[in-house]
PDB file of N, CA and C in Angstrom:
ATOM      1  N   UNK A   1       8.350  -5.518  -8.379  1.00  0.00           N
ATOM      2  CA  UNK A   1       7.026  -5.676  -7.795  1.00  0.00           C
ATOM      3  C   UNK A   1       6.481  -7.043  -8.189  1.00  0.00           C
ATOM      4  N   UNK A   2       5.943  -7.732  -7.235  1.00  0.00           N
ATOM      5  CA  UNK A   2       5.401  -9.068  -7.458  1.00  0.00           C
ATOM      6  C   UNK A   2       3.995  -8.976  -8.041  1.00  0.00           C
ATOM      7  N   UNK A   3       3.674  -9.850  -8.970  1.00  0.00           N
ATOM      8  CA  UNK A   3       2.340  -9.910  -9.561  1.00  0.00           C
ATOM      9  C   UNK A   3       1.607 -11.132  -9.021  1.00  0.00           C
ATOM     10  N   UNK A   4       0.306 -10.986  -8.837  1.00  0.00           N
ATOM     11  CA  UNK A   4      -0.520 -12.071  -8.334  1.00  0.00           C
ATOM     12  C   UNK A   4      -1.638 -12.349  -9.322  1.00  0.00           C
ATOM     13  N   UNK A   5      -1.987 -13.611  -9.481  1.00  0.00           N
ATOM     14  CA  UNK A   5      -3.170 -13.980 -10.261  1.00  0.00           C
ATOM     15  C   UNK A   5      -4.311 -14.156  -9.271  1.00  0.00           C
ATOM     16  N   UNK A   6      -5.422 -13.488  -9.541  1.00  0.00           N
ATOM     17  CA  UNK A   6      -6.578 -13.578  -8.661  1.00  0.00           C
ATOM     18  C   UNK A   6      -7.699 -14.292  -9.388  1.00  0.00           C
ATOM     19  N   UNK A   7      -8.295 -15.271  -8.745  1.00  0.00           N
ATOM     20  CA  UNK A   7      -9.389 -16.025  -9.339  1.00  0.00           C
ATOM     21  C   UNK A   7     -10.710 -15.437  -8.862  1.00  0.00           C
ATOM     22  N   UNK A   8     -11.629 -15.226  -9.801  1.00  0.00           N
ATOM     23  CA  UNK A   8     -12.958 -14.717  -9.445  1.00  0.00           C
ATOM     24  C   UNK A   8     -13.764 -15.880  -8.888  1.00  0.00           C
ATOM     25  N   UNK A   9     -14.337 -15.663  -7.714  1.00  0.00           N
ATOM     26  CA  UNK A   9     -15.109 -16.706  -7.045  1.00  0.00           C
ATOM     27  C   UNK A   9     -16.522 -16.213  -6.731  1.00  0.00           C
ATOM     28  N   UNK A  10     -17.427 -17.147  -6.514  1.00  0.00           N
ATOM     29  CA  UNK A  10     -18.796 -16.841  -6.119  1.00  0.00           C
ATOM     30  C   UNK A  10     -18.814 -16.588  -4.615  1.00  0.00           C
ATOM     31  N   UNK A  11     -19.427 -15.468  -4.213  1.00  0.00           N
ATOM     32  CA  UNK A  11     -19.603 -15.153  -2.797  1.00  0.00           C
ATOM     33  C   UNK A  11     -21.076 -14.808  -2.627  1.00  0.00           C
ATOM     34  N   UNK A  12     -21.862 -15.777  -2.215  1.00  0.00           N
ATOM     35  CA  UNK A  12     -23.320 -15.575  -2.152  1.00  0.00           C
ATOM     36  C   UNK A  12     -23.844 -15.341  -3.551  1.00  0.00           C
ATOM     37  N   UNK A  13     -24.570 -14.239  -3.749  1.00  0.00           N
ATOM     38  CA  UNK A  13     -25.091 -13.882  -5.068  1.00  0.00           C
ATOM     39  C   UNK A  13     -24.144 -12.958  -5.831  1.00  0.00           C
ATOM     40  N   UNK A  14     -22.960 -12.715  -5.286  1.00  0.00           N
ATOM     41  CA  UNK A  14     -21.993 -11.801  -5.893  1.00  0.00           C
ATOM     42  C   UNK A  14     -20.751 -12.558  -6.342  1.00  0.00           C
ATOM     43  N   UNK A  15     -19.840 -11.820  -6.973  1.00  0.00           N
ATOM     44  CA  UNK A  15     -18.542 -12.362  -7.342  1.00  0.00           C
ATOM     45  C   UNK A  15     -17.475 -11.572  -6.609  1.00  0.00           C
ATOM     46  N   UNK A  16     -16.346 -12.180  -6.352  1.00  0.00           N
ATOM     47  CA  UNK A  16     -15.289 -11.469  -5.653  1.00  0.00           C
ATOM     48  C   UNK A  16     -13.946 -12.133  -5.874  1.00  0.00           C
ATOM     49  N   UNK A  17     -12.917 -11.533  -5.323  1.00  0.00           N
ATOM     50  CA  UNK A  17     -11.569 -12.085  -5.346  1.00  0.00           C
ATOM     51  C   UNK A  17     -11.011 -12.044  -3.933  1.00  0.00           C
ATOM     52  N   UNK A  18     -10.074 -12.931  -3.659  1.00  0.00           N
ATOM     53  CA  UNK A  18      -9.388 -12.938  -2.379  1.00  0.00           C
ATOM     54  C   UNK A  18      -8.010 -12.339  -2.598  1.00  0.00           C
ATOM     55  N   UNK A  19      -7.658 -11.353  -1.786  1.00  0.00           N
ATOM     56  CA  UNK A  19      -6.356 -10.698  -1.914  1.00  0.00           C
ATOM     57  C   UNK A  19      -5.321 -11.415  -1.049  1.00  0.00           C
ATOM     58  N   UNK A  20      -4.130 -11.645  -1.593  1.00  0.00           N
ATOM     59  CA  UNK A  20      -3.075 -12.276  -0.800  1.00  0.00           C
ATOM     60  C   UNK A  20      -2.658 -11.379   0.362  1.00  0.00           C
ATOM     61  N   UNK A  21      -2.138 -12.002   1.425  1.00  0.00           N
ATOM     62  CA  UNK A  21      -1.766 -11.228   2.609  1.00  0.00           C
ATOM     63  C   UNK A  21      -0.705 -10.184   2.298  1.00  0.00           C
ATOM     64  N   UNK A  22       0.182 -10.445   1.307  1.00  0.00           N
ATOM     65  CA  UNK A  22       1.206  -9.474   0.935  1.00  0.00           C
ATOM     66  C   UNK A  22       0.563  -8.214   0.333  1.00  0.00           C
ATOM     67  N   UNK A  23      -0.479  -8.403  -0.461  1.00  0.00           N
ATOM     68  CA  UNK A  23      -1.178  -7.266  -1.059  1.00  0.00           C
ATOM     69  C   UNK A  23      -1.900  -6.467   0.021  1.00  0.00           C
ATOM     70  N   UNK A  24      -2.544  -7.152   0.943  1.00  0.00           N
ATOM     71  CA  UNK A  24      -3.229  -6.463   2.043  1.00  0.00           C
ATOM     72  C   UNK A  24      -2.246  -5.682   2.898  1.00  0.00           C
ATOM     73  N   UNK A  25      -1.078  -6.255   3.143  1.00  0.00           N
ATOM     74  CA  UNK A  25      -0.063  -5.565   3.938  1.00  0.00           C
ATOM     75  C   UNK A  25       0.419  -4.306   3.206  1.00  0.00           C
ATOM     76  N   UNK A  26       0.636  -4.411   1.889  1.00  0.00           N
ATOM     77  CA  UNK A  26       1.089  -3.257   1.116  1.00  0.00           C
ATOM     78  C   UNK A  26       0.037  -2.155   1.096  1.00  0.00           C
ATOM     79  N   UNK A  27      -1.240  -2.549   1.088  1.00  0.00           N
ATOM     80  CA  UNK A  27      -2.338  -1.579   1.098  1.00  0.00           C
ATOM     81  C   UNK A  27      -2.645  -1.071   2.506  1.00  0.00           C
ATOM     82  N   UNK A  28      -2.027  -1.697   3.501  1.00  0.00           N
ATOM     83  CA  UNK A  28      -2.335  -1.401   4.907  1.00  0.00           C
ATOM     84  C   UNK A  28      -3.835  -1.545   5.144  1.00  0.00           C
ATOM     85  N   UNK A  29      -4.393  -2.631   4.600  1.00  0.00           N
ATOM     86  CA  UNK A  29      -5.830  -2.883   4.687  1.00  0.00           C
ATOM     87  C   UNK A  29      -6.085  -4.144   5.500  1.00  0.00           C
ATOM     88  N   UNK A  30      -7.234  -4.164   6.125  1.00  0.00           N
ATOM     89  CA  UNK A  30      -7.642  -5.344   6.879  1.00  0.00           C
ATOM     90  C   UNK A  30      -9.141  -5.533   6.756  1.00  0.00           C
ATOM     91  N   UNK A  31      -9.635  -6.599   7.328  1.00  0.00           N
ATOM     92  CA  UNK A  31     -11.055  -6.935   7.244  1.00  0.00           C
ATOM     93  C   UNK A  31     -11.917  -5.745   7.644  1.00  0.00           C
ATOM     94  N   UNK A  32     -12.897  -5.423   6.795  1.00  0.00           N
ATOM     95  CA  UNK A  32     -13.813  -4.325   7.078  1.00  0.00           C
ATOM     96  C   UNK A  32     -13.417  -3.005   6.449  1.00  0.00           C
ATOM     97  N   UNK A  33     -12.167  -2.879   5.981  1.00  0.00           N
ATOM     98  CA  UNK A  33     -11.722  -1.640   5.333  1.00  0.00           C
ATOM     99  C   UNK A  33     -12.358  -1.501   3.946  1.00  0.00           C
ATOM    100  N   UNK A  34     -12.387  -0.294   3.440  1.00  0.00           N
ATOM    101  CA  UNK A  34     -12.881  -0.020   2.091  1.00  0.00           C
ATOM    102  C   UNK A  34     -11.691   0.274   1.194  1.00  0.00           C
ATOM    103  N   UNK A  35     -11.712  -0.304  -0.001  1.00  0.00           N
ATOM    104  CA  UNK A  35     -10.667  -0.065  -0.988  1.00  0.00           C
ATOM    105  C   UNK A  35     -11.269   0.666  -2.177  1.00  0.00           C
ATOM    106  N   UNK A  36     -10.423   1.318  -2.966  1.00  0.00           N
ATOM    107  CA  UNK A  36     -10.885   1.988  -4.179  1.00  0.00           C
ATOM    108  C   UNK A  36     -10.281   1.294  -5.390  1.00  0.00           C
ATOM    109  N   UNK A  37     -11.059   1.217  -6.457  1.00  0.00           N
ATOM    110  CA  UNK A  37     -10.611   0.666  -7.726  1.00  0.00           C
ATOM    111  C   UNK A  37     -10.815   1.759  -8.761  1.00  0.00           C
ATOM    112  N   UNK A  38      -9.714   2.291  -9.293  1.00  0.00           N
ATOM    113  CA  UNK A  38      -9.807   3.412 -10.219  1.00  0.00           C
ATOM    114  C   UNK A  38      -9.138   3.060 -11.549  1.00  0.00           C
ATOM    115  N   UNK A  39      -9.699   3.584 -12.652  1.00  0.00           N
ATOM    116  CA  UNK A  39      -9.095   3.323 -13.954  1.00  0.00           C
ATOM    117  C   UNK A  39      -7.678   3.890 -14.016  1.00  0.00           C
ATOM    118  N   UNK A  40      -6.806   3.189 -14.700  1.00  0.00           N
ATOM    119  CA  UNK A  40      -5.418   3.621 -14.916  1.00  0.00           C
ATOM    120  C   UNK A  40      -5.065   3.328 -16.370  1.00  0.00           C
ATOM    121  N   UNK A  41      -4.055   3.985 -16.908  1.00  0.00           N
ATOM    122  CA  UNK A  41      -3.695   3.777 -18.316  1.00  0.00           C
ATOM    123  C   UNK A  41      -3.463   2.310 -18.679  1.00  0.00           C
ATOM    124  N   UNK A  42      -2.956   1.528 -17.725  1.00  0.00           N
ATOM    125  CA  UNK A  42      -2.650   0.126 -18.018  1.00  0.00           C
ATOM    126  C   UNK A  42      -3.683  -0.844 -17.442  1.00  0.00           C
ATOM    127  N   UNK A  43      -4.836  -0.361 -17.020  1.00  0.00           N
ATOM    128  CA  UNK A  43      -5.884  -1.227 -16.456  1.00  0.00           C
ATOM    129  C   UNK A  43      -6.600  -0.529 -15.320  1.00  0.00           C
ATOM    130  N   UNK A  44      -6.400  -1.025 -14.110  1.00  0.00           N
ATOM    131  CA  UNK A  44      -7.014  -0.436 -12.922  1.00  0.00           C
ATOM    132  C   UNK A  44      -5.992  -0.355 -11.807  1.00  0.00           C
ATOM    133  N   UNK A  45      -6.236   0.540 -10.871  1.00  0.00           N
ATOM    134  CA  UNK A  45      -5.382   0.707  -9.706  1.00  0.00           C
ATOM    135  C   UNK A  45      -6.225   0.450  -8.463  1.00  0.00           C
ATOM    136  N   UNK A  46      -5.708  -0.376  -7.572  1.00  0.00           N
ATOM    137  CA  UNK A  46      -6.379  -0.695  -6.315  1.00  0.00           C
ATOM    138  C   UNK A  46      -5.671   0.055  -5.208  1.00  0.00           C
ATOM    139  N   UNK A  47      -6.428   0.749  -4.382  1.00  0.00           N
ATOM    140  CA  UNK A  47      -5.813   1.519  -3.309  1.00  0.00           C
ATOM    141  C   UNK A  47      -6.675   1.566  -2.066  1.00  0.00           C
ATOM    142  N   UNK A  48      -6.111   2.078  -1.014  1.00  0.00           N
ATOM    143  CA  UNK A  48      -6.845   2.264   0.240  1.00  0.00           C
ATOM    144  C   UNK A  48      -7.771   3.460   0.108  1.00  0.00           C
ATOM    145  N   UNK A  49      -8.942   3.361   0.672  1.00  0.00           N
ATOM    146  CA  UNK A  49      -9.911   4.459   0.658  1.00  0.00           C
ATOM    147  C   UNK A  49      -9.512   5.482   1.707  1.00  0.00           C
ATOM    148  N   UNK A  50      -9.475   6.741   1.312  1.00  0.00           N
ATOM    149  CA  UNK A  50      -9.137   7.840   2.215  1.00  0.00           C
ATOM    150  C   UNK A  50     -10.336   8.792   2.234  1.00  0.00           C
ATOM    151  N   UNK A  51     -11.114   8.765   3.308  1.00  0.00           N
ATOM    152  CA  UNK A  51     -12.339   9.560   3.396  1.00  0.00           C
ATOM    153  C   UNK A  51     -12.060  11.052   3.253  1.00  0.00           C
ATOM    154  N   UNK A  52     -10.995  11.545   3.859  1.00  0.00           N
ATOM    155  CA  UNK A  52     -10.669  12.974   3.789  1.00  0.00           C
ATOM    156  C   UNK A  52     -10.303  13.366   2.358  1.00  0.00           C
ATOM    157  N   UNK A  53      -9.487  12.554   1.713  1.00  0.00           N
ATOM    158  CA  UNK A  53      -9.107  12.837   0.331  1.00  0.00           C
ATOM    159  C   UNK A  53     -10.331  12.792  -0.583  1.00  0.00           C
ATOM    160  N   UNK A  54     -11.211  11.850  -0.353  1.00  0.00           N
ATOM    161  CA  UNK A  54     -12.429  11.735  -1.152  1.00  0.00           C
ATOM    162  C   UNK A  54     -13.301  12.980  -1.003  1.00  0.00           C
ATOM    163  N   UNK A  55     -13.402  13.488   0.227  1.00  0.00           N
ATOM    164  CA  UNK A  55     -14.191  14.691   0.485  1.00  0.00           C
ATOM    165  C   UNK A  55     -13.564  15.906  -0.212  1.00  0.00           C
ATOM    166  N   UNK A  56     -12.234  16.019  -0.151  1.00  0.00           N
ATOM    167  CA  UNK A  56     -11.535  17.129  -0.800  1.00  0.00           C
ATOM    168  C   UNK A  56     -11.714  17.080  -2.321  1.00  0.00           C
ATOM    169  N   UNK A  57     -11.653  15.884  -2.904  1.00  0.00           N
ATOM    170  CA  UNK A  57     -11.844  15.745  -4.349  1.00  0.00           C
ATOM    171  C   UNK A  57     -13.259  16.133  -4.763  1.00  0.00           C
ATOM    172  N   UNK A  58     -14.234  15.789  -3.967  1.00  0.00           N
ATOM    173  CA  UNK A  58     -15.625  16.149  -4.276  1.00  0.00           C
ATOM    174  C   UNK A  58     -15.806  17.669  -4.250  1.00  0.00           C
ATOM    175  N   UNK A  59     -15.219  18.334  -3.273  1.00  0.00           N
ATOM    176  CA  UNK A  59     -15.278  19.798  -3.200  1.00  0.00           C
ATOM    177  C   UNK A  59     -14.598  20.409  -4.428  1.00  0.00           C
ATOM    178  N   UNK A  60     -13.434  19.869  -4.796  1.00  0.00           N
ATOM    179  CA  UNK A  60     -12.717  20.374  -5.969  1.00  0.00           C
ATOM    180  C   UNK A  60     -13.541  20.194  -7.243  1.00  0.00           C
ATOM    181  N   UNK A  61     -14.202  19.051  -7.381  1.00  0.00           N
ATOM    182  CA  UNK A  61     -15.048  18.821  -8.565  1.00  0.00           C
ATOM    183  C   UNK A  61     -16.184  19.835  -8.642  1.00  0.00           C
ATOM    184  N   UNK A  62     -16.800  20.142  -7.503  1.00  0.00           N
ATOM    185  CA  UNK A  62     -17.893  21.115  -7.484  1.00  0.00           C
ATOM    186  C   UNK A  62     -17.402  22.506  -7.876  1.00  0.00           C
ATOM    187  N   UNK A  63     -16.237  22.893  -7.343  1.00  0.00           N
ATOM    188  CA  UNK A  63     -15.665  24.204  -7.677  1.00  0.00           C
ATOM    189  C   UNK A  63     -15.363  24.268  -9.165  1.00  0.00           C
ATOM    190  N   UNK A  64     -14.738  23.220  -9.705  1.00  0.00           N
ATOM    191  CA  UNK A  64     -14.390  23.215 -11.130  1.00  0.00           C
ATOM    192  C   UNK A  64     -15.648  23.263 -12.004  1.00  0.00           C
ATOM    193  N   UNK A  65     -16.699  22.586 -11.570  1.00  0.00           N
ATOM    194  CA  UNK A  65     -17.944  22.601 -12.343  1.00  0.00           C
ATOM    195  C   UNK A  65     -18.588  23.986 -12.291  1.00  0.00           C
ATOM    196  N   UNK A  66     -18.649  24.563 -11.115  1.00  0.00           N
ATOM    197  CA  UNK A  66     -19.290  25.873 -10.950  1.00  0.00           C
ATOM    198  C   UNK A  66     -18.476  27.018 -11.553  1.00  0.00           C
ATOM    199  N   UNK A  67     -17.177  26.857 -11.648  1.00  0.00           N
ATOM    200  CA  UNK A  67     -16.290  27.920 -12.138  1.00  0.00           C
ATOM    201  C   UNK A  67     -15.596  27.545 -13.447  1.00  0.00           C
ATOM    202  N   UNK A  68     -16.201  26.638 -14.212  1.00  0.00           N
ATOM    203  CA  UNK A  68     -15.535  26.139 -15.417  1.00  0.00           C
ATOM    204  C   UNK A  68     -15.232  27.233 -16.432  1.00  0.00           C
ATOM    205  N   UNK A  69     -16.120  28.238 -16.564  1.00  0.00           N
ATOM    206  CA  UNK A  69     -15.882  29.328 -17.502  1.00  0.00           C
ATOM    207  C   UNK A  69     -14.658  30.157 -17.087  1.00  0.00           C
ATOM    208  N   UNK A  70     -14.578  30.491 -15.812  1.00  0.00           N
ATOM    209  CA  UNK A  70     -13.444  31.272 -15.319  1.00  0.00           C
ATOM    210  C   UNK A  70     -12.149  30.459 -15.443  1.00  0.00           C
ATOM    211  N   UNK A  71     -12.222  29.167 -15.142  1.00  0.00           N
ATOM    212  CA  UNK A  71     -11.028  28.332 -15.253  1.00  0.00           C
ATOM    213  C   UNK A  71     -10.578  28.206 -16.706  1.00  0.00           C
ATOM    214  N   UNK A  72     -11.524  28.150 -17.621  1.00  0.00           N
ATOM    215  CA  UNK A  72     -11.198  28.081 -19.040  1.00  0.00           C
ATOM    216  C   UNK A  72     -10.473  29.349 -19.484  1.00  0.00           C
ATOM    217  N   UNK A  73     -10.952  30.498 -18.995  1.00  0.00           N
ATOM    218  CA  UNK A  73     -10.315  31.783 -19.339  1.00  0.00           C
ATOM    219  C   UNK A  73      -8.901  31.849 -18.750  1.00  0.00           C
ATOM    220  N   UNK A  74      -8.747  31.386 -17.544  1.00  0.00           N
ATOM    221  CA  UNK A  74      -7.429  31.403 -16.891  1.00  0.00           C
ATOM    222  C   UNK A  74      -6.444  30.497 -17.615  1.00  0.00           C
ATOM    223  N   UNK A  75      -6.950  29.438 -18.228  1.00  0.00           N
ATOM    224  CA  UNK A  75      -6.080  28.482 -18.915  1.00  0.00           C
ATOM    225  C   UNK A  75      -5.533  29.032 -20.228  1.00  0.00           C
ATOM    226  N   UNK A  76      -6.132  30.131 -20.745  1.00  0.00           N
ATOM    227  CA  UNK A  76      -5.685  30.684 -22.031  1.00  0.00           C
ATOM    228  C   UNK A  76      -4.361  31.376 -21.914  1.00  0.00           C
TER     229      UNK A  76
END
């Protein structure tokens, strides 16, 4: 896997980075798409945003929160 160095640049009042075309191709991302940046054991992971997966994860989080006692008992 190829590694890229990204320089932080000023974009208006914000900061940002420019992704190389190879990285965009691997992410299957293009102008206007949303990406996700999630913590990983070795730093962060950059990925394509999946609205359906995000919705499913939110539902799962709510179920786990509402049923945490039952899930704790099942885990024993």
